[in-house]
Amino acid sequence: MIAFLFTPVGRYVAIGIIVFMAAAGAYWKIRADAVAEIEAAAQADVLRRTQNALTAGDAIGTSPDKLREPDGNARD
């Protein structure tokens, strides 16, 4: 096998394998980075929505005196 690498054809095969492995590694790295970026964006969106829901929930009046007051929604 080692002797094959010293032939002209063997050199081209070895260069081809090296180029293929480098391209495949770059592809997998770019793909992994893109997946991580999408997951981070989704996580940030979930955190933003949760924070907005908590903020909106804190603004609700929970006093028993205002329980029957209309809140201005279409069902009223």
C-alpha atoms as a PDB file:
ATOM      1  CA  MET A   1       0.000   0.000   0.000  1.00  0.00           C
ATOM      2  CA  ILE A   2       2.783   2.426   0.873  1.00  0.00           C
ATOM      3  CA  ALA A   3       4.562   1.605  -2.391  1.00  0.00           C
ATOM      4  CA  PHE A   4       1.367   2.566  -4.268  1.00  0.00           C
ATOM      5  CA  LEU A   5       1.607   6.103  -2.881  1.00  0.00           C
ATOM      6  CA  PHE A   6       4.991   6.580  -4.551  1.00  0.00           C
ATOM      7  CA  THR A   7       3.578   5.915  -8.015  1.00  0.00           C
ATOM      8  CA  PRO A   8       2.185   8.815 -10.096  1.00  0.00           C
ATOM      9  CA  VAL A   9      -1.344   7.399  -9.954  1.00  0.00           C
ATOM     10  CA  GLY A  10      -1.028   6.768  -6.218  1.00  0.00           C
ATOM     11  CA  ARG A  11      -0.105  10.404  -5.591  1.00  0.00           C
ATOM     12  CA  TYR A  12      -3.220  11.602  -7.385  1.00  0.00           C
ATOM     13  CA  VAL A  13      -5.379   9.116  -5.501  1.00  0.00           C
ATOM     14  CA  ALA A  14      -3.888  10.243  -2.193  1.00  0.00           C
ATOM     15  CA  ILE A  15      -4.394  13.921  -3.079  1.00  0.00           C
ATOM     16  CA  GLY A  16      -7.973  13.159  -4.109  1.00  0.00           C
ATOM     17  CA  ILE A  17      -8.665  11.392  -0.817  1.00  0.00           C
ATOM     18  CA  ILE A  18      -7.151  14.263   1.166  1.00  0.00           C
ATOM     19  CA  VAL A  19      -9.186  16.854  -0.763  1.00  0.00           C
ATOM     20  CA  PHE A  20     -12.369  14.798  -0.307  1.00  0.00           C
ATOM     21  CA  MET A  21     -11.785  14.401   3.434  1.00  0.00           C
ATOM     22  CA  ALA A  22     -11.096  18.138   3.833  1.00  0.00           C
ATOM     23  CA  ALA A  23     -14.272  19.027   1.920  1.00  0.00           C
ATOM     24  CA  ALA A  24     -16.336  16.538   3.933  1.00  0.00           C
ATOM     25  CA  GLY A  25     -14.918  17.887   7.202  1.00  0.00           C
ATOM     26  CA  ALA A  26     -15.703  21.464   6.180  1.00  0.00           C
ATOM     27  CA  TYR A  27     -19.246  20.427   5.206  1.00  0.00           C
ATOM     28  CA  TRP A  28     -19.866  18.696   8.543  1.00  0.00           C
ATOM     29  CA  LYS A  29     -18.415  21.643  10.473  1.00  0.00           C
ATOM     30  CA  ILE A  30     -20.564  24.182   8.610  1.00  0.00           C
ATOM     31  CA  ARG A  31     -23.639  21.988   9.040  1.00  0.00           C
ATOM     32  CA  ALA A  32     -23.024  21.539  12.772  1.00  0.00           C
ATOM     33  CA  ASP A  33     -22.544  25.298  13.212  1.00  0.00           C
ATOM     34  CA  ALA A  34     -25.766  26.010  11.315  1.00  0.00           C
ATOM     35  CA  VAL A  35     -27.731  23.545  13.443  1.00  0.00           C
ATOM     36  CA  ALA A  36     -26.316  25.068  16.629  1.00  0.00           C
ATOM     37  CA  GLU A  37     -27.200  28.562  15.403  1.00  0.00           C
ATOM     38  CA  ILE A  38     -30.786  27.554  14.585  1.00  0.00           C
ATOM     39  CA  GLU A  39     -31.192  25.832  17.955  1.00  0.00           C
ATOM     40  CA  ALA A  40     -29.811  28.905  19.748  1.00  0.00           C
ATOM     41  CA  ALA A  41     -32.232  31.160  17.870  1.00  0.00           C
ATOM     42  CA  ALA A  42     -35.139  28.870  18.745  1.00  0.00           C
ATOM     43  CA  GLN A  43     -34.079  28.835  22.393  1.00  0.00           C
ATOM     44  CA  ALA A  44     -33.815  32.628  22.436  1.00  0.00           C
ATOM     45  CA  ASP A  45     -37.302  32.864  20.921  1.00  0.00           C
ATOM     46  CA  VAL A  46     -38.699  30.548  23.590  1.00  0.00           C
ATOM     47  CA  LEU A  47     -37.043  32.580  26.340  1.00  0.00           C
ATOM     48  CA  ARG A  48     -38.362  35.829  24.831  1.00  0.00           C
ATOM     49  CA  ARG A  49     -41.904  34.434  24.603  1.00  0.00           C
ATOM     50  CA  THR A  50     -41.730  33.102  28.150  1.00  0.00           C
ATOM     51  CA  GLN A  51     -40.507  36.443  29.446  1.00  0.00           C
ATOM     52  CA  ASN A  52     -43.282  38.260  27.579  1.00  0.00           C
ATOM     53  CA  ALA A  53     -45.868  35.858  29.019  1.00  0.00           C
ATOM     54  CA  LEU A  54     -44.536  36.369  32.533  1.00  0.00           C
ATOM     55  CA  THR A  55     -44.544  40.126  32.070  1.00  0.00           C
ATOM     56  CA  ALA A  56     -48.108  40.058  30.760  1.00  0.00           C
ATOM     57  CA  GLY A  57     -49.156  37.790  33.612  1.00  0.00           C
ATOM     58  CA  ASP A  58     -47.696  40.165  36.189  1.00  0.00           C
ATOM     59  CA  ALA A  59     -49.761  43.011  34.722  1.00  0.00           C
ATOM     60  CA  ILE A  60     -53.053  41.204  35.336  1.00  0.00           C
ATOM     61  CA  GLY A  61     -55.038  42.510  38.250  1.00  0.00           C
ATOM     62  CA  THR A  62     -55.734  39.606  40.585  1.00  0.00           C
ATOM     63  CA  SER A  63     -57.724  41.529  43.125  1.00  0.00           C
ATOM     64  CA  PRO A  64     -60.979  39.732  44.071  1.00  0.00           C
ATOM     65  CA  ASP A  65     -62.833  43.067  43.802  1.00  0.00           C
ATOM     66  CA  LYS A  66     -62.122  43.265  40.068  1.00  0.00           C
ATOM     67  CA  LEU A  67     -62.947  39.640  39.272  1.00  0.00           C
ATOM     68  CA  ARG A  68     -66.250  40.388  37.475  1.00  0.00           C
ATOM     69  CA  GLU A  69     -65.120  43.526  35.635  1.00  0.00           C
ATOM     70  CA  PRO A  70     -64.992  43.287  31.833  1.00  0.00           C
ATOM     71  CA  ASP A  71     -61.495  43.179  30.455  1.00  0.00           C
ATOM     72  CA  GLY A  72     -62.302  44.656  27.034  1.00  0.00           C
ATOM     73  CA  ASN A  73     -62.007  41.483  25.001  1.00  0.00           C
ATOM     74  CA  ALA A  74     -64.506  40.632  22.228  1.00  0.00           C
ATOM     75  CA  ARG A  75     -66.336  38.048  24.331  1.00  0.00           C
ATOM     76  CA  ASP A  76     -67.611  40.753  26.726  1.00  0.00           C
END
